[in-house]
Protein backbone atom coordinates (compact mmCIF):
# COMPACT_ATOMS: atom_id res chain seq x y z
CA UNK A 1 -22.74 52.71 -6.28
CA UNK A 2 -19.39 53.85 -5.02
CA UNK A 3 -16.70 55.31 -7.20
CA UNK A 4 -14.54 52.19 -6.76
CA UNK A 5 -17.18 49.91 -8.28
CA UNK A 6 -17.83 52.09 -11.30
CA UNK A 7 -14.19 52.95 -11.91
CA UNK A 8 -12.59 50.93 -14.73
CA UNK A 9 -9.74 48.70 -13.49
CA UNK A 10 -6.24 49.16 -14.89
CA UNK A 11 -6.07 45.42 -15.50
CA UNK A 12 -8.31 42.66 -16.81
CA UNK A 13 -10.55 40.87 -14.29
CA UNK A 14 -11.93 37.46 -15.20
CA UNK A 15 -11.34 33.74 -14.95
CA UNK A 16 -8.11 33.17 -13.02
CA UNK A 17 -7.68 36.94 -12.57
CA UNK A 18 -9.54 38.06 -9.43
CA UNK A 19 -9.70 41.71 -8.42
CA UNK A 20 -6.44 42.81 -6.79
CA UNK A 21 -8.08 43.82 -3.52
CA UNK A 22 -9.41 40.25 -2.97
CA UNK A 23 -6.15 38.41 -3.73
CA UNK A 24 -4.03 36.86 -0.99
CA UNK A 25 -1.27 39.11 0.25
CA UNK A 26 2.26 38.04 -0.62
CA UNK A 27 3.39 35.29 1.78
CA UNK A 28 -0.16 34.71 3.06
CA UNK A 29 -1.66 31.23 2.84
CA UNK A 30 -5.09 30.52 1.45
CA UNK A 31 -5.49 27.78 4.06
CA UNK A 32 -3.65 28.88 7.22
CA UNK A 33 -5.09 26.03 9.31
CA UNK A 34 -4.31 23.41 6.66
CA UNK A 35 -2.14 20.32 6.91
CA UNK A 36 1.25 21.22 8.37
CA UNK A 37 4.37 20.58 6.34
CA UNK A 38 5.82 17.13 6.83
CA UNK A 39 2.55 15.68 8.12
CA UNK A 40 2.03 12.13 6.86
CA UNK A 41 -1.16 10.79 5.31
CA UNK A 42 -2.93 7.81 6.86
CA UNK A 43 -1.87 5.57 3.96
CA UNK A 44 1.78 6.55 4.36
CA UNK A 45 1.67 5.85 8.09
CA UNK A 46 0.03 2.45 7.56
CA UNK A 47 2.65 1.50 4.94
CA UNK A 48 5.50 2.65 7.16
CA UNK A 49 4.42 0.75 10.28
CA UNK A 50 3.11 -2.36 8.53
CA UNK A 51 6.54 -2.89 6.95
CA UNK A 52 8.31 -2.93 10.35
CA UNK A 53 9.79 -6.32 11.21
CA UNK A 54 9.22 -8.16 14.46
CA UNK A 55 10.78 -11.31 15.90
CA UNK A 56 8.16 -14.04 16.29
CA UNK A 57 8.15 -17.75 17.06
CA UNK A 58 6.73 -19.86 14.25
CA UNK A 59 6.54 -23.61 14.84
CA UNK A 60 8.94 -23.16 17.75
CA UNK A 61 11.55 -21.38 15.63
CA UNK A 62 12.42 -17.67 15.77
CA UNK A 63 11.64 -15.75 12.60
CA UNK A 64 11.53 -12.09 11.50
CA UNK A 65 8.28 -11.08 9.85
CA UNK A 66 6.68 -7.79 8.90
CA UNK A 67 3.66 -6.67 10.90
CA UNK A 68 1.58 -7.01 7.73
CA UNK A 69 2.65 -10.65 7.33
CA UNK A 70 1.74 -11.31 10.96
CA UNK A 71 -1.71 -9.73 10.53
CA UNK A 72 -2.43 -11.72 7.36
CA UNK A 73 -1.26 -14.99 8.93
CA UNK A 74 -3.48 -14.29 11.94
CA UNK A 75 -6.45 -13.55 9.66
CA UNK A 76 -5.84 -16.77 7.74
CA UNK A 77 -5.68 -18.80 10.96
CA UNK A 78 -8.92 -17.27 12.26
CA UNK A 79 -10.67 -17.79 8.92
CA UNK A 80 -9.52 -21.42 8.86
CA UNK A 81 -11.11 -21.91 12.31
CA UNK A 82 -14.43 -20.60 10.97
CA UNK A 83 -14.34 -16.93 12.02
CA UNK A 84 -16.82 -15.35 9.58
CA UNK A 85 -15.60 -11.78 10.10
CA UNK A 86 -11.97 -12.78 9.44
CA UNK A 87 -13.10 -14.63 6.32
CA UNK A 88 -14.94 -11.55 5.03
CA UNK A 89 -11.91 -9.31 5.63
CA UNK A 90 -9.65 -11.83 3.89
CA UNK A 91 -11.96 -12.07 0.87
CA UNK A 92 -11.97 -8.27 0.55
CA UNK A 93 -8.17 -8.19 0.81
CA UNK A 94 -7.86 -10.85 -1.90
CA UNK A 95 -10.26 -9.00 -4.21
CA UNK A 96 -8.34 -5.78 -3.72
CA UNK A 97 -5.01 -7.52 -4.36
CA UNK A 98 -6.42 -9.10 -7.55
CA UNK A 99 -7.57 -5.66 -8.71
CA UNK A 100 -4.10 -4.21 -8.11
CA UNK A 101 -2.54 -7.18 -9.87
CA UNK A 102 -4.83 -6.65 -12.88
CA UNK A 103 -3.65 -3.03 -13.13
CA UNK A 104 0.00 -4.05 -13.42
CA UNK A 105 1.45 -4.56 -16.90
CA UNK A 106 1.58 -8.20 -17.90
CA UNK A 107 4.59 -9.67 -19.62
CA UNK A 108 4.25 -12.24 -22.33
CA UNK A 109 5.17 -15.78 -21.45
CA UNK A 110 8.09 -17.24 -23.36
CA UNK A 111 7.38 -19.80 -26.03
CA UNK A 112 9.52 -22.89 -26.67
CA UNK A 113 11.07 -21.03 -29.60
CA UNK A 114 12.03 -18.14 -27.30
CA UNK A 115 13.60 -20.60 -24.84
CA UNK A 116 15.67 -22.22 -27.57
CA UNK A 117 16.89 -18.81 -28.83
CA UNK A 118 17.98 -17.86 -25.31
CA UNK A 119 19.71 -21.22 -24.78
CA UNK A 120 21.63 -20.84 -28.07
CA UNK A 121 22.63 -17.29 -27.14
CA UNK A 122 23.90 -18.33 -23.69
CA UNK A 123 25.77 -21.28 -25.21
CA UNK A 124 27.42 -18.95 -27.74
CA UNK A 125 28.46 -16.49 -25.01
CA UNK A 126 29.85 -19.34 -22.88
CA UNK A 127 31.86 -20.60 -25.86
CA UNK A 128 33.29 -17.10 -26.20
CA UNK A 129 34.13 -17.11 -22.47
CA UNK A 130 31.89 -14.15 -21.72
CA UNK A 131 29.37 -15.95 -19.49
CA UNK A 132 30.23 -18.12 -16.50
CA UNK A 133 29.11 -21.73 -16.47
């Protein structure tokens, strides 16, 4: 064994504290060939470009629609004509959307009592001139 290995370190070596000679030098990256700064993920790129609006003719009338809307409408049309692959893709999209919807917080529906309380409150505020008719 060399002297360096047997020599007691001036500092503690252990979990989260590697030997000083194996640490990255100051300003040196641990992943020099990694993702460059500002590079977008695939999901971000898909969101960005699927939200772009295009002018399309729908039933002979011009309309602006997002690319995502156009793709979904096209899938629906193909599925309605019996395209099995389009139907499968649409079913998967619907299942995914339902899963995302289930993850969102649900708000309670108003009861008749809640509606009457709100109506009385609005009527009171109108009588005081604080709410427009």
